[in-house]
Amino acid sequence: MNIIPYIGPLLGAIPAIIAASQSGWLIVTLLITCTVIVQLIENACISPYIIGKQIELHPLAVIFAIFIGAELAGVIGMILMIPLFSIAKAIITEFNHMKDIDIDN
């Protein structure tokens, strides 16, 4: 479920929570607490950094793009926004590169 940013891992934790409920509420509480803490760290720090390194964008730009995708198209927008953002960056970079080339020579 990690392919769905932000909520996917929490949805993936549901089977673990159901299994932990057989052992008692203390285990369920610990599991939920650990899951939330790990997801907060991953979603706020690790994932934007890794994605930003791969597509050469600042991690805040990655977070911003995901938020825009969420506002425009929900979960599908969150999934598709980083590739679209990357394509737009490549087009702009190529356009700037072509603009710098002297056409007469």
PDB file of N, CA and C in Angstrom:
ATOM      1  N   MET A   1       0.821  -1.212   0.000  1.00  0.00           N
ATOM      2  CA  MET A   1       0.000   0.000   0.000  1.00  0.00           C
ATOM      3  C   MET A   1       0.856   1.264   0.000  1.00  0.00           C
ATOM      4  N   ASN A   2       2.158   1.120   0.011  1.00  0.00           N
ATOM      5  CA  ASN A   2       3.034   2.284   0.077  1.00  0.00           C
ATOM      6  C   ASN A   2       3.037   3.081  -1.222  1.00  0.00           C
ATOM      7  N   ILE A   3       2.435   2.552  -2.285  1.00  0.00           N
ATOM      8  CA  ILE A   3       2.365   3.288  -3.549  1.00  0.00           C
ATOM      9  C   ILE A   3       1.430   4.489  -3.425  1.00  0.00           C
ATOM     10  N   ILE A   4       0.489   4.446  -2.521  1.00  0.00           N
ATOM     11  CA  ILE A   4      -0.422   5.560  -2.295  1.00  0.00           C
ATOM     12  C   ILE A   4       0.207   6.443  -1.221  1.00  0.00           C
ATOM     13  N   PRO A   5       0.632   7.654  -1.590  1.00  0.00           N
ATOM     14  CA  PRO A   5       1.295   8.514  -0.608  1.00  0.00           C
ATOM     15  C   PRO A   5       0.385   8.856   0.569  1.00  0.00           C
ATOM     16  N   TYR A   6       0.984   8.938   1.715  1.00  0.00           N
ATOM     17  CA  TYR A   6       0.376   9.390   2.961  1.00  0.00           C
ATOM     18  C   TYR A   6      -0.631   8.410   3.565  1.00  0.00           C
ATOM     19  N   ILE A   7      -1.660   8.008   2.848  1.00  0.00           N
ATOM     20  CA  ILE A   7      -2.691   7.173   3.479  1.00  0.00           C
ATOM     21  C   ILE A   7      -2.530   5.686   3.204  1.00  0.00           C
ATOM     22  N   GLY A   8      -1.783   5.342   2.174  1.00  0.00           N
ATOM     23  CA  GLY A   8      -1.610   3.935   1.814  1.00  0.00           C
ATOM     24  C   GLY A   8      -1.012   3.085   2.929  1.00  0.00           C
ATOM     25  N   PRO A   9       0.102   3.516   3.526  1.00  0.00           N
ATOM     26  CA  PRO A   9       0.677   2.718   4.605  1.00  0.00           C
ATOM     27  C   PRO A   9      -0.245   2.599   5.827  1.00  0.00           C
ATOM     28  N   LEU A  10      -1.026   3.628   6.061  1.00  0.00           N
ATOM     29  CA  LEU A  10      -1.974   3.538   7.179  1.00  0.00           C
ATOM     30  C   LEU A  10      -3.074   2.522   6.881  1.00  0.00           C
ATOM     31  N   LEU A  11      -3.507   2.480   5.629  1.00  0.00           N
ATOM     32  CA  LEU A  11      -4.483   1.459   5.238  1.00  0.00           C
ATOM     33  C   LEU A  11      -3.859   0.065   5.299  1.00  0.00           C
ATOM     34  N   GLY A  12      -2.577  -0.010   4.962  1.00  0.00           N
ATOM     35  CA  GLY A  12      -1.870  -1.281   5.027  1.00  0.00           C
ATOM     36  C   GLY A  12      -1.679  -1.779   6.449  1.00  0.00           C
ATOM     37  N   ALA A  13      -1.762  -0.877   7.416  1.00  0.00           N
ATOM     38  CA  ALA A  13      -1.603  -1.259   8.819  1.00  0.00           C
ATOM     39  C   ALA A  13      -2.868  -1.897   9.396  1.00  0.00           C
ATOM     40  N   ILE A  14      -3.970  -1.778   8.704  1.00  0.00           N
ATOM     41  CA  ILE A  14      -5.241  -2.308   9.221  1.00  0.00           C
ATOM     42  C   ILE A  14      -5.170  -3.815   9.503  1.00  0.00           C
ATOM     43  N   PRO A  15      -4.630  -4.645   8.596  1.00  0.00           N
ATOM     44  CA  PRO A  15      -4.530  -6.071   8.936  1.00  0.00           C
ATOM     45  C   PRO A  15      -3.652  -6.340  10.178  1.00  0.00           C
ATOM     46  N   ALA A  16      -2.584  -5.555  10.330  1.00  0.00           N
ATOM     47  CA  ALA A  16      -1.737  -5.723  11.517  1.00  0.00           C
ATOM     48  C   ALA A  16      -2.488  -5.332  12.780  1.00  0.00           C
ATOM     49  N   ILE A  17      -3.294  -4.300  12.699  1.00  0.00           N
ATOM     50  CA  ILE A  17      -4.089  -3.872  13.857  1.00  0.00           C
ATOM     51  C   ILE A  17      -5.122  -4.931  14.209  1.00  0.00           C
ATOM     52  N   ILE A  18      -5.742  -5.509  13.204  1.00  0.00           N
ATOM     53  CA  ILE A  18      -6.721  -6.579  13.460  1.00  0.00           C
ATOM     54  C   ILE A  18      -6.038  -7.769  14.117  1.00  0.00           C
ATOM     55  N   ALA A  19      -4.864  -8.139  13.621  1.00  0.00           N
ATOM     56  CA  ALA A  19      -4.133  -9.260  14.212  1.00  0.00           C
ATOM     57  C   ALA A  19      -3.689  -8.928  15.630  1.00  0.00           C
ATOM     58  N   ALA A  20      -3.255  -7.680  15.854  1.00  0.00           N
ATOM     59  CA  ALA A  20      -2.801  -7.281  17.189  1.00  0.00           C
ATOM     60  C   ALA A  20      -3.948  -7.209  18.177  1.00  0.00           C
ATOM     61  N   SER A  21      -5.162  -7.008  17.694  1.00  0.00           N
ATOM     62  CA  SER A  21      -6.309  -6.922  18.599  1.00  0.00           C
ATOM     63  C   SER A  21      -6.567  -8.251  19.313  1.00  0.00           C
ATOM     64  N   GLN A  22      -6.023  -9.326  18.773  1.00  0.00           N
ATOM     65  CA  GLN A  22      -6.155 -10.624  19.429  1.00  0.00           C
ATOM     66  C   GLN A  22      -5.287 -10.704  20.693  1.00  0.00           C
ATOM     67  N   SER A  23      -4.265  -9.828  20.767  1.00  0.00           N
ATOM     68  CA  SER A  23      -3.346  -9.846  21.905  1.00  0.00           C
ATOM     69  C   SER A  23      -3.694  -8.838  22.980  1.00  0.00           C
ATOM     70  N   GLY A  24      -4.557  -7.913  22.703  1.00  0.00           N
ATOM     71  CA  GLY A  24      -4.960  -6.931  23.709  1.00  0.00           C
ATOM     72  C   GLY A  24      -4.822  -5.500  23.204  1.00  0.00           C
ATOM     73  N   TRP A  25      -5.445  -4.591  23.936  1.00  0.00           N
ATOM     74  CA  TRP A  25      -5.502  -3.198  23.515  1.00  0.00           C
ATOM     75  C   TRP A  25      -4.170  -2.472  23.685  1.00  0.00           C
ATOM     76  N   LEU A  26      -3.340  -2.916  24.608  1.00  0.00           N
ATOM     77  CA  LEU A  26      -2.040  -2.292  24.781  1.00  0.00           C
ATOM     78  C   LEU A  26      -1.187  -2.486  23.519  1.00  0.00           C
ATOM     79  N   ILE A  27      -1.198  -3.688  22.972  1.00  0.00           N
ATOM     80  CA  ILE A  27      -0.442  -3.980  21.747  1.00  0.00           C
ATOM     81  C   ILE A  27      -1.001  -3.175  20.588  1.00  0.00           C
ATOM     82  N   VAL A  28      -2.313  -3.055  20.490  1.00  0.00           N
ATOM     83  CA  VAL A  28      -2.938  -2.274  19.417  1.00  0.00           C
ATOM     84  C   VAL A  28      -2.521  -0.807  19.527  1.00  0.00           C
ATOM     85  N   THR A  29      -2.552  -0.277  20.744  1.00  0.00           N
ATOM     86  CA  THR A  29      -2.156   1.118  20.955  1.00  0.00           C
ATOM     87  C   THR A  29      -0.697   1.344  20.581  1.00  0.00           C
ATOM     88  N   LEU A  30       0.180   0.436  20.992  1.00  0.00           N
ATOM     89  CA  LEU A  30       1.596   0.552  20.644  1.00  0.00           C
ATOM     90  C   LEU A  30       1.798   0.456  19.130  1.00  0.00           C
ATOM     91  N   LEU A  31       1.098  -0.450  18.494  1.00  0.00           N
ATOM     92  CA  LEU A  31       1.207  -0.619  17.044  1.00  0.00           C
ATOM     93  C   LEU A  31       0.760   0.639  16.313  1.00  0.00           C
ATOM     94  N   ILE A  32      -0.367   1.186  16.696  1.00  0.00           N
ATOM     95  CA  ILE A  32      -0.872   2.403  16.043  1.00  0.00           C
ATOM     96  C   ILE A  32       0.087   3.568  16.271  1.00  0.00           C
ATOM     97  N   THR A  33       0.590   3.710  17.491  1.00  0.00           N
ATOM     98  CA  THR A  33       1.525   4.789  17.801  1.00  0.00           C
ATOM     99  C   THR A  33       2.799   4.669  16.969  1.00  0.00           C
ATOM    100  N   CYS A  34       3.356   3.483  16.912  1.00  0.00           N
ATOM    101  CA  CYS A  34       4.581   3.268  16.127  1.00  0.00           C
ATOM    102  C   CYS A  34       4.334   3.498  14.642  1.00  0.00           C
ATOM    103  N   THR A  35       3.222   3.036  14.136  1.00  0.00           N
ATOM    104  CA  THR A  35       2.894   3.211  12.723  1.00  0.00           C
ATOM    105  C   THR A  35       2.769   4.688  12.373  1.00  0.00           C
ATOM    106  N   VAL A  36       2.084   5.447  13.203  1.00  0.00           N
ATOM    107  CA  VAL A  36       1.902   6.876  12.938  1.00  0.00           C
ATOM    108  C   VAL A  36       3.238   7.609  12.991  1.00  0.00           C
ATOM    109  N   ILE A  37       4.065   7.318  13.991  1.00  0.00           N
ATOM    110  CA  ILE A  37       5.363   7.990  14.104  1.00  0.00           C
ATOM    111  C   ILE A  37       6.249   7.675  12.904  1.00  0.00           C
ATOM    112  N   VAL A  38       6.323   6.406  12.528  1.00  0.00           N
ATOM    113  CA  VAL A  38       7.154   6.017  11.385  1.00  0.00           C
ATOM    114  C   VAL A  38       6.645   6.682  10.109  1.00  0.00           C
ATOM    115  N   GLN A  39       5.342   6.724   9.910  1.00  0.00           N
ATOM    116  CA  GLN A  39       4.791   7.336   8.703  1.00  0.00           C
ATOM    117  C   GLN A  39       5.018   8.836   8.668  1.00  0.00           C
ATOM    118  N   LEU A  40       4.925   9.494   9.816  1.00  0.00           N
ATOM    119  CA  LEU A  40       5.190  10.934   9.858  1.00  0.00           C
ATOM    120  C   LEU A  40       6.633  11.231   9.470  1.00  0.00           C
ATOM    121  N   ILE A  41       7.558  10.456   9.996  1.00  0.00           N
ATOM    122  CA  ILE A  41       8.965  10.652   9.660  1.00  0.00           C
ATOM    123  C   ILE A  41       9.201  10.359   8.179  1.00  0.00           C
ATOM    124  N   GLU A  42       8.654   9.255   7.702  1.00  0.00           N
ATOM    125  CA  GLU A  42       8.863   8.887   6.296  1.00  0.00           C
ATOM    126  C   GLU A  42       8.245   9.904   5.351  1.00  0.00           C
ATOM    127  N   ASN A  43       7.008  10.304   5.601  1.00  0.00           N
ATOM    128  CA  ASN A  43       6.304  11.202   4.684  1.00  0.00           C
ATOM    129  C   ASN A  43       6.839  12.625   4.715  1.00  0.00           C
ATOM    130  N   ALA A  44       7.318  13.071   5.870  1.00  0.00           N
ATOM    131  CA  ALA A  44       7.774  14.450   5.986  1.00  0.00           C
ATOM    132  C   ALA A  44       9.239  14.625   5.630  1.00  0.00           C
ATOM    133  N   CYS A  45      10.048  13.600   5.797  1.00  0.00           N
ATOM    134  CA  CYS A  45      11.491  13.762   5.619  1.00  0.00           C
ATOM    135  C   CYS A  45      12.086  12.838   4.563  1.00  0.00           C
ATOM    136  N   ILE A  46      11.903  11.560   4.728  1.00  0.00           N
ATOM    137  CA  ILE A  46      12.631  10.585   3.921  1.00  0.00           C
ATOM    138  C   ILE A  46      12.140  10.534   2.476  1.00  0.00           C
ATOM    139  N   SER A  47      10.854  10.366   2.271  1.00  0.00           N
ATOM    140  CA  SER A  47      10.318  10.232   0.900  1.00  0.00           C
ATOM    141  C   SER A  47      10.576  11.458   0.035  1.00  0.00           C
ATOM    142  N   PRO A  48      10.279  12.690   0.515  1.00  0.00           N
ATOM    143  CA  PRO A  48      10.571  13.851  -0.337  1.00  0.00           C
ATOM    144  C   PRO A  48      12.060  13.984  -0.669  1.00  0.00           C
ATOM    145  N   TYR A  49      12.922  13.634   0.271  1.00  0.00           N
ATOM    146  CA  TYR A  49      14.360  13.714   0.020  1.00  0.00           C
ATOM    147  C   TYR A  49      14.782  12.727  -1.066  1.00  0.00           C
ATOM    148  N   ILE A  50      14.317  11.485  -0.961  1.00  0.00           N
ATOM    149  CA  ILE A  50      14.688  10.455  -1.935  1.00  0.00           C
ATOM    150  C   ILE A  50      14.131  10.785  -3.315  1.00  0.00           C
ATOM    151  N   ILE A  51      12.866  11.142  -3.382  1.00  0.00           N
ATOM    152  CA  ILE A  51      12.255  11.481  -4.671  1.00  0.00           C
ATOM    153  C   ILE A  51      12.925  12.718  -5.261  1.00  0.00           C
ATOM    154  N   GLY A  52      13.194  13.711  -4.426  1.00  0.00           N
ATOM    155  CA  GLY A  52      13.853  14.918  -4.889  1.00  0.00           C
ATOM    156  C   GLY A  52      15.234  14.647  -5.454  1.00  0.00           C
ATOM    157  N   LYS A  53      15.979  13.744  -4.829  1.00  0.00           N
ATOM    158  CA  LYS A  53      17.298  13.369  -5.341  1.00  0.00           C
ATOM    159  C   LYS A  53      17.179  12.671  -6.693  1.00  0.00           C
ATOM    160  N   GLN A  54      16.185  11.811  -6.846  1.00  0.00           N
ATOM    161  CA  GLN A  54      16.026  11.061  -8.094  1.00  0.00           C
ATOM    162  C   GLN A  54      15.658  11.953  -9.264  1.00  0.00           C
ATOM    163  N   ILE A  55      14.821  12.940  -9.033  1.00  0.00           N
ATOM    164  CA  ILE A  55      14.385  13.801 -10.145  1.00  0.00           C
ATOM    165  C   ILE A  55      15.002  15.191 -10.055  1.00  0.00           C
ATOM    166  N   GLU A  56      15.975  15.355  -9.182  1.00  0.00           N
ATOM    167  CA  GLU A  56      16.724  16.598  -9.025  1.00  0.00           C
ATOM    168  C   GLU A  56      15.816  17.787  -8.722  1.00  0.00           C
ATOM    169  N   LEU A  57      14.955  17.613  -7.728  1.00  0.00           N
ATOM    170  CA  LEU A  57      14.099  18.685  -7.226  1.00  0.00           C
ATOM    171  C   LEU A  57      14.305  18.821  -5.725  1.00  0.00           C
ATOM    172  N   HIS A  58      14.056  19.992  -5.220  1.00  0.00           N
ATOM    173  CA  HIS A  58      14.139  20.217  -3.784  1.00  0.00           C
ATOM    174  C   HIS A  58      13.004  19.435  -3.102  1.00  0.00           C
ATOM    175  N   PRO A  59      13.268  18.852  -1.925  1.00  0.00           N
ATOM    176  CA  PRO A  59      12.215  18.088  -1.235  1.00  0.00           C
ATOM    177  C   PRO A  59      10.942  18.886  -0.972  1.00  0.00           C
ATOM    178  N   LEU A  60      11.064  20.184  -0.722  1.00  0.00           N
ATOM    179  CA  LEU A  60       9.857  20.994  -0.523  1.00  0.00           C
ATOM    180  C   LEU A  60       9.045  21.116  -1.809  1.00  0.00           C
ATOM    181  N   ALA A  61       9.724  21.135  -2.957  1.00  0.00           N
ATOM    182  CA  ALA A  61       9.011  21.155  -4.241  1.00  0.00           C
ATOM    183  C   ALA A  61       8.239  19.855  -4.437  1.00  0.00           C
ATOM    184  N   VAL A  62       8.813  18.745  -3.984  1.00  0.00           N
ATOM    185  CA  VAL A  62       8.137  17.451  -4.069  1.00  0.00           C
ATOM    186  C   VAL A  62       6.873  17.458  -3.207  1.00  0.00           C
ATOM    187  N   ILE A  63       7.000  17.931  -1.975  1.00  0.00           N
ATOM    188  CA  ILE A  63       5.839  18.002  -1.076  1.00  0.00           C
ATOM    189  C   ILE A  63       4.777  18.926  -1.674  1.00  0.00           C
ATOM    190  N   PHE A  64       5.212  20.066  -2.187  1.00  0.00           N
ATOM    191  CA  PHE A  64       4.292  21.023  -2.805  1.00  0.00           C
ATOM    192  C   PHE A  64       3.549  20.397  -3.982  1.00  0.00           C
ATOM    193  N   ALA A  65       4.276  19.655  -4.815  1.00  0.00           N
ATOM    194  CA  ALA A  65       3.655  19.000  -5.977  1.00  0.00           C
ATOM    195  C   ALA A  65       2.620  17.970  -5.533  1.00  0.00           C
ATOM    196  N   ILE A  66       2.929  17.206  -4.495  1.00  0.00           N
ATOM    197  CA  ILE A  66       1.977  16.205  -4.003  1.00  0.00           C
ATOM    198  C   ILE A  66       0.727  16.876  -3.451  1.00  0.00           C
ATOM    199  N   PHE A  67       0.895  17.986  -2.738  1.00  0.00           N
ATOM    200  CA  PHE A  67      -0.271  18.713  -2.223  1.00  0.00           C
ATOM    201  C   PHE A  67      -1.132  19.264  -3.354  1.00  0.00           C
ATOM    202  N   ILE A  68      -0.488  19.781  -4.393  1.00  0.00           N
ATOM    203  CA  ILE A  68      -1.247  20.282  -5.545  1.00  0.00           C
ATOM    204  C   ILE A  68      -2.015  19.135  -6.207  1.00  0.00           C
ATOM    205  N   GLY A  69      -1.354  18.007  -6.383  1.00  0.00           N
ATOM    206  CA  GLY A  69      -2.019  16.845  -6.967  1.00  0.00           C
ATOM    207  C   GLY A  69      -3.207  16.383  -6.149  1.00  0.00           C
ATOM    208  N   ALA A  70      -3.057  16.421  -4.827  1.00  0.00           N
ATOM    209  CA  ALA A  70      -4.158  16.020  -3.944  1.00  0.00           C
ATOM    210  C   ALA A  70      -5.338  16.964  -4.077  1.00  0.00           C
ATOM    211  N   GLU A  71      -5.057  18.261  -4.184  1.00  0.00           N
ATOM    212  CA  GLU A  71      -6.140  19.234  -4.310  1.00  0.00           C
ATOM    213  C   GLU A  71      -6.839  19.135  -5.666  1.00  0.00           C
ATOM    214  N   LEU A  72      -6.058  18.844  -6.710  1.00  0.00           N
ATOM    215  CA  LEU A  72      -6.642  18.805  -8.046  1.00  0.00           C
ATOM    216  C   LEU A  72      -7.384  17.513  -8.348  1.00  0.00           C
ATOM    217  N   ALA A  73      -6.815  16.372  -7.916  1.00  0.00           N
ATOM    218  CA  ALA A  73      -7.408  15.097  -8.340  1.00  0.00           C
ATOM    219  C   ALA A  73      -7.397  14.026  -7.258  1.00  0.00           C
ATOM    220  N   GLY A  74      -7.224  14.401  -6.012  1.00  0.00           N
ATOM    221  CA  GLY A  74      -7.273  13.422  -4.925  1.00  0.00           C
ATOM    222  C   GLY A  74      -6.091  12.465  -4.955  1.00  0.00           C
ATOM    223  N   VAL A  75      -6.354  11.210  -4.633  1.00  0.00           N
ATOM    224  CA  VAL A  75      -5.295  10.207  -4.538  1.00  0.00           C
ATOM    225  C   VAL A  75      -4.620   9.983  -5.887  1.00  0.00           C
ATOM    226  N   ILE A  76      -5.397   9.950  -6.960  1.00  0.00           N
ATOM    227  CA  ILE A  76      -4.821   9.776  -8.297  1.00  0.00           C
ATOM    228  C   ILE A  76      -3.888  10.947  -8.612  1.00  0.00           C
ATOM    229  N   GLY A  77      -4.273  12.133  -8.240  1.00  0.00           N
ATOM    230  CA  GLY A  77      -3.426  13.303  -8.445  1.00  0.00           C
ATOM    231  C   GLY A  77      -2.135  13.223  -7.653  1.00  0.00           C
ATOM    232  N   MET A  78      -2.214  12.681  -6.436  1.00  0.00           N
ATOM    233  CA  MET A  78      -1.011  12.521  -5.621  1.00  0.00           C
ATOM    234  C   MET A  78      -0.027  11.562  -6.287  1.00  0.00           C
ATOM    235  N   ILE A  79      -0.558  10.525  -6.884  1.00  0.00           N
ATOM    236  CA  ILE A  79       0.293   9.520  -7.528  1.00  0.00           C
ATOM    237  C   ILE A  79       0.891  10.075  -8.822  1.00  0.00           C
ATOM    238  N   LEU A  80       0.102  10.813  -9.596  1.00  0.00           N
ATOM    239  CA  LEU A  80       0.540  11.259 -10.912  1.00  0.00           C
ATOM    240  C   LEU A  80       1.296  12.584 -10.920  1.00  0.00           C
ATOM    241  N   MET A  81       1.216  13.363  -9.845  1.00  0.00           N
ATOM    242  CA  MET A  81       1.785  14.700  -9.874  1.00  0.00           C
ATOM    243  C   MET A  81       3.310  14.711  -9.967  1.00  0.00           C
ATOM    244  N   ILE A  82       4.000  13.822  -9.287  1.00  0.00           N
ATOM    245  CA  ILE A  82       5.463  13.811  -9.347  1.00  0.00           C
ATOM    246  C   ILE A  82       5.952  13.494 -10.763  1.00  0.00           C
ATOM    247  N   PRO A  83       5.415  12.477 -11.450  1.00  0.00           N
ATOM    248  CA  PRO A  83       5.840  12.283 -12.841  1.00  0.00           C
ATOM    249  C   PRO A  83       5.514  13.483 -13.740  1.00  0.00           C
ATOM    250  N   LEU A  84       4.353  14.085 -13.553  1.00  0.00           N
ATOM    251  CA  LEU A  84       3.998  15.257 -14.351  1.00  0.00           C
ATOM    252  C   LEU A  84       4.915  16.431 -14.053  1.00  0.00           C
ATOM    253  N   PHE A  85       5.230  16.618 -12.792  1.00  0.00           N
ATOM    254  CA  PHE A  85       6.143  17.677 -12.364  1.00  0.00           C
ATOM    255  C   PHE A  85       7.523  17.453 -12.967  1.00  0.00           C
ATOM    256  N   SER A  86       7.959  16.207 -12.989  1.00  0.00           N
ATOM    257  CA  SER A  86       9.253  15.851 -13.557  1.00  0.00           C
ATOM    258  C   SER A  86       9.276  16.098 -15.072  1.00  0.00           C
ATOM    259  N   ILE A  87       8.207  15.754 -15.760  1.00  0.00           N
ATOM    260  CA  ILE A  87       8.106  15.993 -17.203  1.00  0.00           C
ATOM    261  C   ILE A  87       8.136  17.491 -17.490  1.00  0.00           C
ATOM    262  N   ALA A  88       7.391  18.264 -16.712  1.00  0.00           N
ATOM    263  CA  ALA A  88       7.378  19.717 -16.905  1.00  0.00           C
ATOM    264  C   ALA A  88       8.767  20.303 -16.685  1.00  0.00           C
ATOM    265  N   LYS A  89       9.475  19.830 -15.684  1.00  0.00           N
ATOM    266  CA  LYS A  89      10.839  20.291 -15.414  1.00  0.00           C
ATOM    267  C   LYS A  89      11.750  19.967 -16.594  1.00  0.00           C
ATOM    268  N   ALA A  90      11.634  18.757 -17.156  1.00  0.00           N
ATOM    269  CA  ALA A  90      12.466  18.361 -18.293  1.00  0.00           C
ATOM    270  C   ALA A  90      12.173  19.226 -19.521  1.00  0.00           C
ATOM    271  N   ILE A  91      10.913  19.532 -19.761  1.00  0.00           N
ATOM    272  CA  ILE A  91      10.546  20.374 -20.903  1.00  0.00           C
ATOM    273  C   ILE A  91      11.102  21.782 -20.731  1.00  0.00           C
ATOM    274  N   ILE A  92      10.968  22.340 -19.543  1.00  0.00           N
ATOM    275  CA  ILE A  92      11.481  23.684 -19.282  1.00  0.00           C
ATOM    276  C   ILE A  92      12.997  23.721 -19.408  1.00  0.00           C
ATOM    277  N   THR A  93      13.662  22.708 -18.874  1.00  0.00           N
ATOM    278  CA  THR A  93      15.127  22.637 -18.969  1.00  0.00           C
ATOM    279  C   THR A  93      15.570  22.538 -20.422  1.00  0.00           C
ATOM    280  N   GLU A  94      14.908  21.705 -21.194  1.00  0.00           N
ATOM    281  CA  GLU A  94      15.256  21.555 -22.607  1.00  0.00           C
ATOM    282  C   GLU A  94      14.987  22.837 -23.381  1.00  0.00           C
ATOM    283  N   PHE A  95      13.883  23.503 -23.090  1.00  0.00           N
ATOM    284  CA  PHE A  95      13.566  24.766 -23.747  1.00  0.00           C
ATOM    285  C   PHE A  95      14.639  25.806 -23.444  1.00  0.00           C
ATOM    286  N   ASN A  96      15.053  25.898 -22.185  1.00  0.00           N
ATOM    287  CA  ASN A  96      16.110  26.840 -21.814  1.00  0.00           C
ATOM    288  C   ASN A  96      17.429  26.487 -22.490  1.00  0.00           C
ATOM    289  N   HIS A  97      17.710  25.199 -22.620  1.00  0.00           N
ATOM    290  CA  HIS A  97      18.935  24.764 -23.287  1.00  0.00           C
ATOM    291  C   HIS A  97      18.893  25.132 -24.771  1.00  0.00           C
ATOM    292  N   MET A  98      17.747  24.945 -25.415  1.00  0.00           N
ATOM    293  CA  MET A  98      17.617  25.274 -26.838  1.00  0.00           C
ATOM    294  C   MET A  98      17.699  26.780 -27.058  1.00  0.00           C
ATOM    295  N   LYS A  99      17.197  27.556 -26.109  1.00  0.00           N
ATOM    296  CA  LYS A  99      17.230  29.000 -26.208  1.00  0.00           C
ATOM    297  C   LYS A  99      18.666  29.531 -26.151  1.00  0.00           C
ATOM    298  N   ASP A 100      19.527  28.824 -25.397  1.00  0.00           N
ATOM    299  CA  ASP A 100      20.926  29.237 -25.258  1.00  0.00           C
ATOM    300  C   ASP A 100      21.764  28.888 -26.473  1.00  0.00           C
ATOM    301  N   ILE A 101      21.298  27.956 -27.317  1.00  0.00           N
ATOM    302  CA  ILE A 101      22.045  27.566 -28.503  1.00  0.00           C
ATOM    303  C   ILE A 101      21.882  28.636 -29.579  1.00  0.00           C
ATOM    304  N   ASP A 102      22.992  29.037 -30.174  1.00  0.00           N
ATOM    305  CA  ASP A 102      22.956  30.037 -31.227  1.00  0.00           C
ATOM    306  C   ASP A 102      22.492  29.375 -32.519  1.00  0.00           C
ATOM    307  N   ILE A 103      21.388  29.803 -33.075  1.00  0.00           N
ATOM    308  CA  ILE A 103      20.789  29.184 -34.252  1.00  0.00           C
ATOM    309  C   ILE A 103      21.612  29.463 -35.514  1.00  0.00           C
ATOM    310  N   ASP A 104      22.251  30.633 -35.599  1.00  0.00           N
ATOM    311  CA  ASP A 104      22.984  31.008 -36.806  1.00  0.00           C
ATOM    312  C   ASP A 104      24.241  30.166 -37.018  1.00  0.00           C
ATOM    313  N   ASN A 105      24.824  29.618 -36.015  1.00  0.00           N
ATOM    314  CA  ASN A 105      26.080  28.852 -36.166  1.00  0.00           C
ATOM    315  C   ASN A 105      25.810  27.436 -36.394  1.00  0.00           C
TER     316      ASN A 105
END
